[in-house]
């Protein structure tokens, strides 16, 4: 529910809990006042328009504090007369908080309070459901943990198959080892260049006699 009120020559749209600044009212902070100049009252799709005021409609408000508005500069200038006047002004204001709007035996504050209580009840119901679900989940997790703990010892005690023994390699005799080494030497590829056998054969050949050189005396 909302309403349009008039105070200080201005109109304001207000709801329950709205804070607004109006022209100065001669009321001390903390007191409650009733604004009777209600121009319109709206409730959902229904609305009542005053001509000029809505009969039976009232708005209750609490005075929060007295304050002052921002400074406004007033400057007056008269050309060719050397007249310049500058003034500052801060309007005195009263801050109001709307507590209730009543019309046709219906109170906006009671409706808002009921809606808040319903929302709180629904929130509490959801919280209780969440707590119950958490307890069920914890119980199920405990059961699963206990079942896993029971199954683990049975698996540990089960006989494990021993791995097959690897066949031991037969020990080679010294004669066989020597024969194997000899075969390996014979199968090696010869290196490039002259082999030891060819070098030995060349050393065994007799050297050819050197031919004497003929001198000039023999030719004569």
N, C-alpha and C. Protein backbone atom coordinates (compact mmCIF):
# COMPACT_ATOMS: atom_id res chain seq x y z
N UNK A 1 0.85 -1.19 0.00
CA UNK A 1 0.00 0.00 0.00
C UNK A 1 0.89 1.25 0.00
N UNK A 2 0.49 2.26 -0.76
CA UNK A 2 1.22 3.51 -0.82
C UNK A 2 0.21 4.66 -0.81
N UNK A 3 0.76 5.87 -0.58
CA UNK A 3 -0.10 7.05 -0.52
C UNK A 3 0.66 8.25 -1.03
N UNK A 4 -0.08 9.25 -1.45
CA UNK A 4 0.48 10.53 -1.87
C UNK A 4 -0.01 11.58 -0.88
N UNK A 5 0.95 12.22 -0.20
CA UNK A 5 0.60 13.20 0.83
C UNK A 5 1.06 14.59 0.39
N UNK A 6 0.51 15.61 1.08
CA UNK A 6 0.89 16.99 0.81
C UNK A 6 1.30 17.66 2.12
N UNK A 7 2.48 18.26 2.11
CA UNK A 7 2.96 19.02 3.26
C UNK A 7 3.96 20.06 2.79
N UNK A 8 3.87 21.25 3.35
CA UNK A 8 4.77 22.34 2.96
C UNK A 8 4.59 22.78 1.54
N UNK A 9 3.38 22.58 0.96
CA UNK A 9 3.12 22.99 -0.43
C UNK A 9 3.71 22.03 -1.45
N UNK A 10 4.17 20.83 -1.03
CA UNK A 10 4.75 19.85 -1.96
C UNK A 10 4.08 18.50 -1.75
N UNK A 11 4.14 17.67 -2.78
CA UNK A 11 3.54 16.33 -2.73
C UNK A 11 4.63 15.27 -2.72
N UNK A 12 4.38 14.20 -1.94
CA UNK A 12 5.35 13.12 -1.78
C UNK A 12 4.62 11.78 -1.87
N UNK A 13 5.25 10.82 -2.57
CA UNK A 13 4.73 9.45 -2.61
C UNK A 13 5.45 8.65 -1.54
N UNK A 14 4.72 8.02 -0.62
CA UNK A 14 5.32 7.37 0.54
C UNK A 14 4.76 5.96 0.69
N UNK A 15 5.58 5.11 1.34
CA UNK A 15 5.18 3.77 1.75
C UNK A 15 5.63 3.56 3.18
N UNK A 16 5.30 2.41 3.74
CA UNK A 16 5.72 2.11 5.10
C UNK A 16 7.24 1.93 5.12
N UNK A 17 7.92 2.68 6.01
CA UNK A 17 9.38 2.63 6.11
C UNK A 17 10.09 3.69 5.30
N UNK A 18 9.37 4.50 4.53
CA UNK A 18 10.01 5.54 3.72
C UNK A 18 10.48 6.69 4.60
N UNK A 19 11.69 7.20 4.32
CA UNK A 19 12.20 8.40 4.99
C UNK A 19 12.28 9.53 3.97
N UNK A 20 11.78 10.70 4.34
CA UNK A 20 11.77 11.83 3.42
C UNK A 20 12.01 13.12 4.18
N UNK A 21 12.51 14.11 3.44
CA UNK A 21 12.75 15.44 3.99
C UNK A 21 11.63 16.36 3.53
N UNK A 22 10.98 17.00 4.49
CA UNK A 22 9.88 17.93 4.19
C UNK A 22 10.24 19.30 4.77
N UNK A 23 9.39 20.27 4.43
CA UNK A 23 9.60 21.61 4.98
C UNK A 23 9.50 21.57 6.51
N UNK A 24 10.13 22.52 7.15
CA UNK A 24 10.26 22.54 8.60
C UNK A 24 8.89 22.41 9.29
N UNK A 25 8.81 21.46 10.22
CA UNK A 25 7.63 21.27 11.07
C UNK A 25 8.03 21.54 12.51
N UNK A 26 7.16 22.18 13.23
CA UNK A 26 7.45 22.56 14.62
C UNK A 26 7.14 21.36 15.53
N UNK A 27 7.96 20.30 15.40
CA UNK A 27 7.78 19.09 16.19
C UNK A 27 9.15 18.62 16.65
N UNK A 28 9.24 18.15 17.87
CA UNK A 28 10.51 17.68 18.41
C UNK A 28 10.84 16.28 17.86
N UNK A 29 12.12 15.98 17.69
CA UNK A 29 12.50 14.64 17.21
C UNK A 29 12.05 13.54 18.18
N UNK A 30 11.61 12.43 17.64
CA UNK A 30 11.14 11.30 18.44
C UNK A 30 9.64 11.23 18.59
N UNK A 31 8.93 12.28 18.26
CA UNK A 31 7.48 12.28 18.40
C UNK A 31 6.82 11.79 17.11
N UNK A 32 5.55 11.40 17.24
CA UNK A 32 4.78 10.88 16.11
C UNK A 32 3.71 11.89 15.74
N UNK A 33 3.58 12.12 14.43
CA UNK A 33 2.57 13.05 13.94
C UNK A 33 1.67 12.33 12.95
N UNK A 34 0.50 12.91 12.67
CA UNK A 34 -0.44 12.35 11.72
C UNK A 34 -0.64 13.34 10.59
N UNK A 35 -0.42 12.88 9.38
CA UNK A 35 -0.60 13.72 8.18
C UNK A 35 -1.96 13.38 7.58
N UNK A 36 -2.85 14.37 7.62
CA UNK A 36 -4.22 14.14 7.18
C UNK A 36 -4.46 14.55 5.73
N UNK A 37 -3.56 15.31 5.17
CA UNK A 37 -3.75 15.72 3.77
C UNK A 37 -3.23 14.61 2.86
N UNK A 38 -4.08 13.61 2.64
CA UNK A 38 -3.77 12.46 1.79
C UNK A 38 -4.53 12.65 0.48
N UNK A 39 -3.79 12.72 -0.61
CA UNK A 39 -4.40 12.98 -1.92
C UNK A 39 -4.75 11.70 -2.66
N UNK A 40 -4.03 10.60 -2.37
CA UNK A 40 -4.28 9.34 -3.10
C UNK A 40 -3.82 8.18 -2.23
N UNK A 41 -4.56 7.07 -2.32
CA UNK A 41 -4.18 5.84 -1.63
C UNK A 41 -4.28 4.70 -2.65
N UNK A 42 -3.18 3.95 -2.79
CA UNK A 42 -3.15 2.83 -3.72
C UNK A 42 -2.86 1.53 -3.01
N UNK A 43 -3.60 0.47 -3.38
CA UNK A 43 -3.40 -0.86 -2.78
C UNK A 43 -3.47 -1.88 -3.90
N UNK A 44 -2.29 -2.24 -4.42
CA UNK A 44 -2.26 -3.19 -5.54
C UNK A 44 -2.85 -2.54 -6.78
N UNK A 45 -3.89 -3.19 -7.35
CA UNK A 45 -4.54 -2.66 -8.55
C UNK A 45 -5.62 -1.64 -8.22
N UNK A 46 -6.00 -1.52 -6.95
CA UNK A 46 -7.05 -0.58 -6.53
C UNK A 46 -6.40 0.72 -6.06
N UNK A 47 -7.08 1.82 -6.32
CA UNK A 47 -6.59 3.13 -5.88
C UNK A 47 -7.79 4.04 -5.63
N UNK A 48 -7.63 4.93 -4.66
CA UNK A 48 -8.68 5.90 -4.33
C UNK A 48 -8.08 7.29 -4.46
N UNK A 49 -8.71 8.13 -5.28
CA UNK A 49 -8.22 9.48 -5.55
C UNK A 49 -9.10 10.47 -4.79
N UNK A 50 -8.47 11.38 -4.06
CA UNK A 50 -9.21 12.38 -3.30
C UNK A 50 -9.63 13.57 -4.14
N UNK A 51 -10.72 14.24 -3.68
CA UNK A 51 -11.23 15.40 -4.39
C UNK A 51 -11.56 16.51 -3.38
N UNK A 52 -10.55 17.18 -2.87
CA UNK A 52 -9.11 17.02 -3.11
C UNK A 52 -8.47 15.99 -2.21
N UNK A 53 -9.12 15.59 -1.06
CA UNK A 53 -8.53 14.65 -0.10
C UNK A 53 -9.32 13.36 -0.07
N UNK A 54 -8.64 12.27 0.33
CA UNK A 54 -9.28 10.96 0.46
C UNK A 54 -9.90 10.89 1.85
N UNK A 55 -11.20 10.65 1.90
CA UNK A 55 -11.90 10.62 3.19
C UNK A 55 -11.50 9.37 3.96
N UNK A 56 -11.16 9.55 5.22
CA UNK A 56 -10.84 8.42 6.10
C UNK A 56 -9.42 7.90 5.96
N UNK A 57 -8.58 8.55 5.21
CA UNK A 57 -7.19 8.11 5.01
C UNK A 57 -6.27 8.95 5.88
N UNK A 58 -5.34 8.28 6.53
CA UNK A 58 -4.36 8.96 7.38
C UNK A 58 -2.99 8.31 7.21
N UNK A 59 -1.97 9.12 7.41
CA UNK A 59 -0.59 8.65 7.33
C UNK A 59 0.10 9.03 8.63
N UNK A 60 0.67 8.03 9.32
CA UNK A 60 1.36 8.25 10.58
C UNK A 60 2.86 8.24 10.32
N UNK A 61 3.56 9.25 10.87
CA UNK A 61 5.00 9.38 10.64
C UNK A 61 5.69 9.75 11.94
N UNK A 62 6.97 9.37 12.04
CA UNK A 62 7.79 9.69 13.20
C UNK A 62 8.84 10.72 12.79
N UNK A 63 9.05 11.72 13.64
CA UNK A 63 10.05 12.74 13.38
C UNK A 63 11.42 12.18 13.76
N UNK A 64 12.31 12.07 12.78
CA UNK A 64 13.64 11.51 13.02
C UNK A 64 14.58 12.59 13.52
N UNK A 65 14.68 13.71 12.79
CA UNK A 65 15.58 14.79 13.19
C UNK A 65 15.22 16.05 12.42
N UNK A 66 15.82 17.14 12.87
CA UNK A 66 15.73 18.43 12.16
C UNK A 66 17.07 18.66 11.46
N UNK A 67 17.03 19.07 10.20
CA UNK A 67 18.26 19.26 9.43
C UNK A 67 18.13 20.49 8.55
N UNK A 68 19.18 20.75 7.80
CA UNK A 68 19.20 21.87 6.87
C UNK A 68 19.63 21.35 5.49
N UNK A 69 19.07 21.93 4.45
CA UNK A 69 19.40 21.52 3.09
C UNK A 69 20.70 22.12 2.61
N UNK A 70 21.04 21.84 1.38
CA UNK A 70 22.26 22.36 0.78
C UNK A 70 22.13 23.87 0.55
N UNK A 71 23.30 24.54 0.52
CA UNK A 71 23.31 25.99 0.34
C UNK A 71 22.95 26.34 -1.11
N UNK A 72 22.05 27.31 -1.25
CA UNK A 72 21.66 27.84 -2.56
C UNK A 72 22.14 29.28 -2.66
N UNK A 73 22.75 29.62 -3.79
CA UNK A 73 23.30 30.95 -4.01
C UNK A 73 22.29 31.79 -4.79
N UNK A 74 22.00 32.99 -4.25
CA UNK A 74 21.12 33.95 -4.92
C UNK A 74 21.97 35.17 -5.30
N UNK A 75 22.02 35.49 -6.60
CA UNK A 75 22.84 36.60 -7.08
C UNK A 75 21.96 37.55 -7.89
N UNK A 76 22.01 38.83 -7.51
CA UNK A 76 21.22 39.85 -8.19
C UNK A 76 22.16 40.90 -8.77
N UNK A 77 21.96 41.20 -10.06
CA UNK A 77 22.87 42.13 -10.75
C UNK A 77 22.03 43.14 -11.53
N UNK A 78 22.38 44.40 -11.37
CA UNK A 78 21.71 45.48 -12.11
C UNK A 78 22.75 46.16 -13.01
N UNK A 79 22.60 46.04 -14.30
CA UNK A 79 23.60 46.63 -15.20
C UNK A 79 23.60 48.16 -15.16
N UNK A 80 24.79 48.72 -15.34
CA UNK A 80 25.01 50.17 -15.42
C UNK A 80 24.62 50.88 -14.13
N UNK A 81 24.49 50.16 -13.03
CA UNK A 81 24.13 50.79 -11.76
C UNK A 81 25.09 50.40 -10.65
N UNK A 82 26.10 49.59 -10.99
CA UNK A 82 27.06 49.12 -10.02
C UNK A 82 26.36 48.47 -8.82
N UNK A 83 25.38 47.61 -9.12
CA UNK A 83 24.61 46.93 -8.07
C UNK A 83 24.79 45.42 -8.23
N UNK A 84 25.40 44.80 -7.25
CA UNK A 84 25.59 43.35 -7.24
C UNK A 84 25.28 42.85 -5.83
N UNK A 85 24.36 41.91 -5.71
CA UNK A 85 23.96 41.37 -4.41
C UNK A 85 24.04 39.84 -4.48
N UNK A 86 24.83 39.25 -3.58
CA UNK A 86 24.98 37.79 -3.53
C UNK A 86 24.57 37.30 -2.14
N UNK A 87 23.68 36.33 -2.12
CA UNK A 87 23.18 35.79 -0.86
C UNK A 87 23.21 34.26 -0.90
N UNK A 88 23.35 33.64 0.27
CA UNK A 88 23.27 32.19 0.40
C UNK A 88 22.10 31.81 1.28
N UNK A 89 21.49 30.66 0.95
CA UNK A 89 20.30 30.23 1.70
C UNK A 89 20.35 28.71 1.92
N UNK A 90 20.06 28.29 3.15
CA UNK A 90 19.93 26.86 3.48
C UNK A 90 18.56 26.65 4.12
N UNK A 91 17.76 25.83 3.47
CA UNK A 91 16.38 25.62 3.93
C UNK A 91 16.36 24.71 5.16
N UNK A 92 15.56 25.08 6.13
CA UNK A 92 15.34 24.25 7.32
C UNK A 92 14.40 23.10 6.96
N UNK A 93 14.81 21.86 7.28
CA UNK A 93 14.04 20.67 6.90
C UNK A 93 13.76 19.80 8.11
N UNK A 94 12.78 18.93 7.97
CA UNK A 94 12.43 17.93 8.98
C UNK A 94 12.42 16.57 8.30
N UNK A 95 13.12 15.62 8.89
CA UNK A 95 13.20 14.26 8.34
C UNK A 95 12.14 13.40 9.01
N UNK A 96 11.26 12.79 8.19
CA UNK A 96 10.17 11.95 8.69
C UNK A 96 10.37 10.51 8.24
N UNK A 97 9.90 9.57 9.07
CA UNK A 97 9.87 8.15 8.72
C UNK A 97 8.41 7.68 8.80
N UNK A 98 7.89 7.14 7.70
CA UNK A 98 6.49 6.73 7.64
C UNK A 98 6.32 5.42 8.40
N UNK A 99 5.40 5.43 9.37
CA UNK A 99 5.15 4.23 10.18
C UNK A 99 3.94 3.43 9.71
N UNK A 100 2.88 4.12 9.26
CA UNK A 100 1.66 3.39 8.92
C UNK A 100 0.81 4.23 7.97
N UNK A 101 0.04 3.52 7.14
CA UNK A 101 -0.96 4.14 6.26
C UNK A 101 -2.27 3.40 6.51
N UNK A 102 -3.29 4.10 6.92
CA UNK A 102 -4.59 3.49 7.23
C UNK A 102 -5.66 4.06 6.31
N UNK A 103 -6.49 3.12 5.82
CA UNK A 103 -7.59 3.53 4.94
C UNK A 103 -8.63 2.41 4.92
N UNK A 104 -9.87 2.77 5.21
CA UNK A 104 -10.97 1.80 5.16
C UNK A 104 -10.80 0.66 6.13
N UNK A 105 -10.26 0.93 7.30
CA UNK A 105 -10.07 -0.11 8.30
C UNK A 105 -8.91 -1.05 8.01
N UNK A 106 -8.10 -0.72 7.05
CA UNK A 106 -6.95 -1.55 6.69
C UNK A 106 -5.67 -0.80 7.02
N UNK A 107 -4.70 -1.51 7.61
CA UNK A 107 -3.43 -0.91 8.01
C UNK A 107 -2.30 -1.51 7.19
N UNK A 108 -1.50 -0.65 6.58
CA UNK A 108 -0.37 -1.12 5.76
C UNK A 108 0.71 -1.72 6.64
N UNK A 109 0.87 -1.19 7.88
CA UNK A 109 1.90 -1.71 8.78
C UNK A 109 1.58 -3.15 9.19
N UNK A 110 0.30 -3.43 9.47
CA UNK A 110 -0.08 -4.80 9.86
C UNK A 110 0.13 -5.78 8.71
N UNK A 111 -0.20 -5.35 7.50
CA UNK A 111 -0.01 -6.22 6.33
C UNK A 111 1.47 -6.52 6.12
N UNK A 112 2.30 -5.48 6.25
CA UNK A 112 3.74 -5.69 6.07
C UNK A 112 4.31 -6.59 7.16
N UNK A 113 3.83 -6.41 8.40
CA UNK A 113 4.30 -7.25 9.50
C UNK A 113 3.90 -8.70 9.30
N UNK A 114 2.70 -8.93 8.83
CA UNK A 114 2.24 -10.30 8.58
C UNK A 114 3.06 -10.96 7.46
N UNK A 115 3.33 -10.20 6.41
CA UNK A 115 4.14 -10.75 5.31
C UNK A 115 5.55 -11.09 5.80
N UNK A 116 6.08 -10.24 6.67
CA UNK A 116 7.43 -10.50 7.22
C UNK A 116 7.42 -11.75 8.09
N UNK A 117 6.38 -11.91 8.90
CA UNK A 117 6.29 -13.11 9.74
C UNK A 117 6.15 -14.37 8.90
N UNK A 118 5.35 -14.28 7.83
CA UNK A 118 5.19 -15.44 6.95
C UNK A 118 6.51 -15.81 6.28
N UNK A 119 7.25 -14.78 5.85
CA UNK A 119 8.55 -15.06 5.23
C UNK A 119 9.51 -15.66 6.25
N UNK A 120 9.45 -15.16 7.49
CA UNK A 120 10.32 -15.72 8.53
C UNK A 120 9.96 -17.16 8.82
N UNK A 121 8.65 -17.44 8.90
CA UNK A 121 8.21 -18.82 9.14
C UNK A 121 8.67 -19.75 8.02
N UNK A 122 8.54 -19.28 6.78
CA UNK A 122 8.97 -20.10 5.64
C UNK A 122 10.48 -20.33 5.69
N UNK A 123 11.24 -19.30 6.06
CA UNK A 123 12.69 -19.45 6.17
C UNK A 123 13.06 -20.44 7.27
N UNK A 124 12.36 -20.37 8.40
CA UNK A 124 12.63 -21.32 9.48
C UNK A 124 12.30 -22.74 9.05
N UNK A 125 11.19 -22.88 8.30
CA UNK A 125 10.83 -24.22 7.83
C UNK A 125 11.89 -24.78 6.89
N UNK A 126 12.40 -23.94 6.01
CA UNK A 126 13.45 -24.38 5.09
C UNK A 126 14.73 -24.73 5.85
N UNK A 127 15.04 -23.95 6.89
CA UNK A 127 16.24 -24.24 7.69
C UNK A 127 16.09 -25.58 8.42
N UNK A 128 14.90 -25.84 8.97
CA UNK A 128 14.69 -27.12 9.64
C UNK A 128 14.80 -28.29 8.66
N UNK A 129 14.25 -28.12 7.46
CA UNK A 129 14.36 -29.17 6.45
C UNK A 129 15.82 -29.41 6.06
N UNK A 130 16.59 -28.33 5.96
CA UNK A 130 18.01 -28.46 5.61
C UNK A 130 18.78 -29.18 6.71
N UNK A 131 18.46 -28.88 7.97
CA UNK A 131 19.13 -29.55 9.10
C UNK A 131 18.80 -31.04 9.10
N UNK A 132 17.53 -31.37 8.88
CA UNK A 132 17.14 -32.79 8.84
C UNK A 132 17.83 -33.53 7.70
N UNK A 133 17.92 -32.91 6.54
CA UNK A 133 18.59 -33.55 5.41
C UNK A 133 20.07 -33.74 5.70
N UNK A 134 20.70 -32.78 6.35
CA UNK A 134 22.12 -32.91 6.71
C UNK A 134 22.33 -34.06 7.68
N UNK A 135 21.41 -34.24 8.64
CA UNK A 135 21.53 -35.34 9.58
C UNK A 135 21.40 -36.69 8.86
N UNK A 136 20.48 -36.78 7.91
CA UNK A 136 20.34 -38.03 7.14
C UNK A 136 21.60 -38.32 6.33
N UNK A 137 22.15 -37.29 5.72
CA UNK A 137 23.37 -37.48 4.93
C UNK A 137 24.54 -37.94 5.81
N UNK A 138 24.64 -37.36 7.00
CA UNK A 138 25.72 -37.76 7.92
C UNK A 138 25.55 -39.22 8.36
N UNK A 139 24.32 -39.63 8.62
CA UNK A 139 24.06 -41.02 9.03
C UNK A 139 24.41 -41.99 7.91
N UNK A 140 24.03 -41.64 6.69
CA UNK A 140 24.35 -42.50 5.54
C UNK A 140 25.86 -42.59 5.33
N UNK A 141 26.56 -41.49 5.48
CA UNK A 141 28.02 -41.50 5.32
C UNK A 141 28.68 -42.36 6.39
N UNK A 142 28.14 -42.33 7.64
CA UNK A 142 28.70 -43.16 8.70
C UNK A 142 28.50 -44.64 8.39
N UNK A 143 27.32 -45.00 7.86
CA UNK A 143 27.06 -46.40 7.51
C UNK A 143 28.01 -46.87 6.41
N UNK A 144 28.21 -46.04 5.40
CA UNK A 144 29.11 -46.41 4.31
C UNK A 144 30.54 -46.57 4.80
N UNK A 145 30.96 -45.72 5.71
CA UNK A 145 32.32 -45.82 6.26
C UNK A 145 32.49 -47.10 7.05
N UNK A 146 31.47 -47.46 7.86
CA UNK A 146 31.55 -48.69 8.65
C UNK A 146 31.59 -49.92 7.75
N UNK A 147 30.79 -49.94 6.68
CA UNK A 147 30.80 -51.07 5.76
C UNK A 147 32.14 -51.22 5.07
N UNK A 148 32.75 -50.09 4.69
CA UNK A 148 34.06 -50.15 4.05
C UNK A 148 35.13 -50.65 5.01
N UNK A 149 35.03 -50.27 6.29
CA UNK A 149 36.00 -50.72 7.29
C UNK A 149 35.89 -52.23 7.53
N UNK A 150 34.66 -52.78 7.50
CA UNK A 150 34.48 -54.22 7.68
C UNK A 150 35.01 -54.99 6.48
N UNK A 151 34.83 -54.48 5.28
CA UNK A 151 35.24 -55.19 4.08
C UNK A 151 36.75 -55.17 3.88
N UNK A 152 37.44 -54.22 4.40
CA UNK A 152 38.89 -54.10 4.20
C UNK A 152 39.68 -55.23 4.85
N UNK A 153 39.44 -55.68 6.15
CA UNK A 153 40.19 -56.80 6.74
C UNK A 153 39.99 -58.10 6.00
N UNK A 154 38.78 -58.39 5.49
CA UNK A 154 38.54 -59.63 4.75
C UNK A 154 39.39 -59.68 3.50
N UNK A 155 39.52 -58.56 2.83
CA UNK A 155 40.35 -58.54 1.64
C UNK A 155 41.82 -58.71 1.99
N UNK A 156 42.24 -58.18 3.14
CA UNK A 156 43.65 -58.26 3.52
C UNK A 156 44.04 -59.68 3.88
N UNK A 157 43.10 -60.46 4.53
CA UNK A 157 43.41 -61.82 4.96
C UNK A 157 43.37 -62.83 3.82
N UNK A 158 42.81 -62.45 2.70
CA UNK A 158 42.73 -63.38 1.58
C UNK A 158 44.16 -63.75 1.13
N UNK A 159 44.33 -65.09 0.77
CA UNK A 159 45.66 -65.58 0.38
C UNK A 159 46.06 -64.96 -0.94
N UNK A 160 47.24 -64.40 -0.95
CA UNK A 160 47.74 -63.81 -2.17
C UNK A 160 48.55 -64.84 -2.93
N UNK A 161 48.36 -65.05 -4.24
CA UNK A 161 49.15 -66.03 -5.01
C UNK A 161 50.61 -65.61 -5.07
N UNK A 162 51.48 -66.61 -4.79
CA UNK A 162 52.90 -66.32 -4.82
C UNK A 162 53.38 -66.23 -6.26
N UNK A 163 54.26 -65.33 -6.56
CA UNK A 163 54.76 -65.22 -7.94
C UNK A 163 55.62 -66.42 -8.30
N UNK A 164 55.54 -66.86 -9.56
CA UNK A 164 56.29 -68.03 -10.03
C UNK A 164 57.79 -67.75 -9.92
N UNK A 165 58.51 -68.80 -9.49
CA UNK A 165 59.97 -68.65 -9.32
C UNK A 165 60.64 -68.57 -10.68
N UNK A 166 61.59 -67.70 -10.79
CA UNK A 166 62.30 -67.56 -12.05
C UNK A 166 63.31 -68.70 -12.20
N UNK A 167 63.40 -69.30 -13.39
CA UNK A 167 64.37 -70.39 -13.59
C UNK A 167 65.79 -69.87 -13.48
N UNK A 168 66.59 -70.63 -12.72
CA UNK A 168 67.98 -70.23 -12.55
C UNK A 168 68.80 -70.60 -13.78
N UNK A 169 69.63 -69.73 -14.18
CA UNK A 169 70.48 -69.99 -15.35
C UNK A 169 71.59 -70.97 -14.98
N UNK A 170 71.84 -71.99 -15.88
CA UNK A 170 72.87 -73.01 -15.61
C UNK A 170 74.25 -72.38 -15.66
N UNK A 171 75.07 -72.81 -14.69
CA UNK A 171 76.43 -72.27 -14.64
C UNK A 171 77.27 -72.88 -15.77
N UNK A 172 78.01 -72.05 -16.43
CA UNK A 172 78.86 -72.52 -17.54
C UNK A 172 80.19 -73.02 -16.98
N UNK A 173 80.65 -74.11 -17.59
CA UNK A 173 81.94 -74.67 -17.20
C UNK A 173 83.06 -73.83 -17.79
N UNK A 174 84.27 -73.90 -17.22
CA UNK A 174 85.39 -73.11 -17.77
C UNK A 174 85.71 -73.44 -19.21
N UNK A 175 85.58 -74.72 -19.59
CA UNK A 175 85.89 -75.11 -20.96
C UNK A 175 84.88 -74.50 -21.92
N UNK A 176 83.60 -74.53 -21.54
CA UNK A 176 82.58 -73.97 -22.43
C UNK A 176 82.75 -72.47 -22.56
N UNK A 177 83.10 -71.81 -21.45
CA UNK A 177 83.32 -70.36 -21.51
C UNK A 177 84.47 -70.01 -22.44
N UNK A 178 85.57 -70.85 -22.39
CA UNK A 178 86.72 -70.59 -23.25
C UNK A 178 86.34 -70.78 -24.71
N UNK A 179 85.55 -71.84 -25.00
CA UNK A 179 85.13 -72.09 -26.38
C UNK A 179 84.24 -70.96 -26.87
N UNK A 180 83.42 -70.48 -26.03
CA UNK A 180 82.51 -69.38 -26.43
C UNK A 180 83.30 -68.13 -26.76
N UNK A 181 84.33 -67.82 -25.94
CA UNK A 181 85.16 -66.65 -26.21
C UNK A 181 85.90 -66.81 -27.52
N UNK A 182 86.41 -68.05 -27.80
CA UNK A 182 87.13 -68.28 -29.06
C UNK A 182 86.23 -68.10 -30.25
N UNK A 183 84.98 -68.59 -30.17
CA UNK A 183 84.02 -68.42 -31.26
C UNK A 183 83.72 -66.96 -31.48
N UNK A 184 83.61 -66.23 -30.37
CA UNK A 184 83.32 -64.80 -30.51
C UNK A 184 84.45 -64.09 -31.21
N UNK A 185 85.74 -64.49 -30.92
CA UNK A 185 86.88 -63.84 -31.57
C UNK A 185 86.90 -64.12 -33.06
N UNK A 186 86.55 -65.38 -33.43
CA UNK A 186 86.58 -65.75 -34.86
C UNK A 186 85.49 -65.05 -35.62
N UNK A 187 84.37 -64.77 -34.97
CA UNK A 187 83.24 -64.15 -35.67
C UNK A 187 83.39 -62.65 -35.79
N UNK A 188 84.40 -62.05 -35.12
CA UNK A 188 84.57 -60.61 -35.20
C UNK A 188 85.00 -60.22 -36.61
N UNK A 189 84.48 -59.12 -37.06
CA UNK A 189 84.80 -58.63 -38.40
C UNK A 189 86.19 -58.04 -38.40
N UNK A 190 86.99 -58.30 -39.42
CA UNK A 190 88.36 -57.76 -39.46
C UNK A 190 88.33 -56.26 -39.63
N UNK A 191 89.29 -55.60 -39.00
CA UNK A 191 89.39 -54.15 -39.10
C UNK A 191 90.08 -53.81 -40.40
N UNK A 192 89.83 -52.55 -40.77
CA UNK A 192 90.45 -52.06 -41.99
C UNK A 192 91.97 -52.00 -41.83
N UNK A 193 92.66 -52.12 -42.94
CA UNK A 193 94.13 -52.06 -42.90
C UNK A 193 94.73 -53.47 -42.94
N UNK A 194 95.97 -53.53 -42.76
CA UNK A 194 96.67 -54.82 -42.80
C UNK A 194 96.46 -55.57 -41.51
N UNK A 195 96.22 -56.88 -41.65
CA UNK A 195 96.03 -57.72 -40.46
C UNK A 195 97.38 -58.16 -39.93
N UNK A 196 97.36 -58.72 -38.74
CA UNK A 196 98.58 -59.20 -38.10
C UNK A 196 99.19 -60.36 -38.89
N UNK A 197 98.33 -61.19 -39.52
CA UNK A 197 98.83 -62.35 -40.27
C UNK A 197 99.65 -61.90 -41.47
N UNK A 198 99.09 -60.90 -42.21
CA UNK A 198 99.83 -60.42 -43.39
C UNK A 198 101.12 -59.73 -42.98
N UNK A 199 101.10 -59.04 -41.84
CA UNK A 199 102.34 -58.39 -41.37
C UNK A 199 103.40 -59.43 -41.01
N UNK A 200 103.02 -60.52 -40.42
CA UNK A 200 103.96 -61.58 -40.05
C UNK A 200 104.55 -62.25 -41.29
N UNK A 201 103.70 -62.45 -42.34
CA UNK A 201 104.18 -63.08 -43.57
C UNK A 201 105.20 -62.19 -44.27
N UNK A 202 104.97 -60.90 -44.26
CA UNK A 202 105.92 -59.98 -44.89
C UNK A 202 107.26 -59.99 -44.15
N UNK A 203 107.21 -60.12 -42.85
CA UNK A 203 108.45 -60.14 -42.08
C UNK A 203 109.24 -61.43 -42.34
N UNK A 204 108.53 -62.54 -42.64
CA UNK A 204 109.20 -63.81 -42.86
C UNK A 204 109.89 -63.87 -44.24
N UNK A 205 109.52 -63.07 -45.22
CA UNK A 205 110.12 -63.12 -46.56
C UNK A 205 111.56 -62.60 -46.48
N UNK A 206 112.47 -63.27 -47.26
CA UNK A 206 113.87 -62.79 -47.26
C UNK A 206 113.98 -61.51 -48.05
N UNK A 207 114.83 -60.65 -47.58
CA UNK A 207 115.02 -59.38 -48.28
C UNK A 207 115.84 -59.62 -49.55
N UNK A 208 115.45 -58.95 -50.61
CA UNK A 208 116.19 -59.08 -51.90
C UNK A 208 117.51 -58.34 -51.80
N UNK A 209 118.57 -58.92 -52.44
CA UNK A 209 119.90 -58.24 -52.38
C UNK A 209 119.85 -56.92 -53.09
N UNK A 210 120.51 -55.96 -52.51
CA UNK A 210 120.51 -54.63 -53.10
C UNK A 210 121.47 -54.61 -54.29
N UNK A 211 121.09 -53.99 -55.34
CA UNK A 211 121.89 -53.87 -56.57
C UNK A 211 122.86 -52.73 -56.41
N UNK A 212 124.16 -53.06 -56.65
CA UNK A 212 125.14 -51.97 -56.45
C UNK A 212 125.02 -50.94 -57.53
N UNK A 213 125.25 -49.71 -57.14
CA UNK A 213 125.17 -48.61 -58.10
C UNK A 213 126.49 -48.49 -58.87
N UNK A 214 126.39 -48.27 -60.15
CA UNK A 214 127.63 -48.14 -60.98
C UNK A 214 128.21 -46.75 -60.80
N UNK A 215 129.52 -46.72 -60.62
CA UNK A 215 130.21 -45.44 -60.43
C UNK A 215 130.88 -45.03 -61.77
N UNK A 216 131.43 -43.82 -61.83
CA UNK A 216 132.09 -43.30 -63.03
C UNK A 216 133.41 -44.06 -63.31
N UNK A 217 134.09 -44.54 -62.28
CA UNK A 217 135.33 -45.28 -62.46
C UNK A 217 135.05 -46.59 -63.18
N UNK A 218 133.95 -47.30 -62.83
CA UNK A 218 133.64 -48.57 -63.47
C UNK A 218 133.29 -48.33 -64.95
N UNK A 219 132.64 -47.24 -65.27
CA UNK A 219 132.27 -46.99 -66.64
C UNK A 219 133.53 -46.74 -67.49
N UNK A 220 134.57 -46.16 -66.93
CA UNK A 220 135.76 -45.89 -67.66
C UNK A 220 136.54 -47.19 -67.90
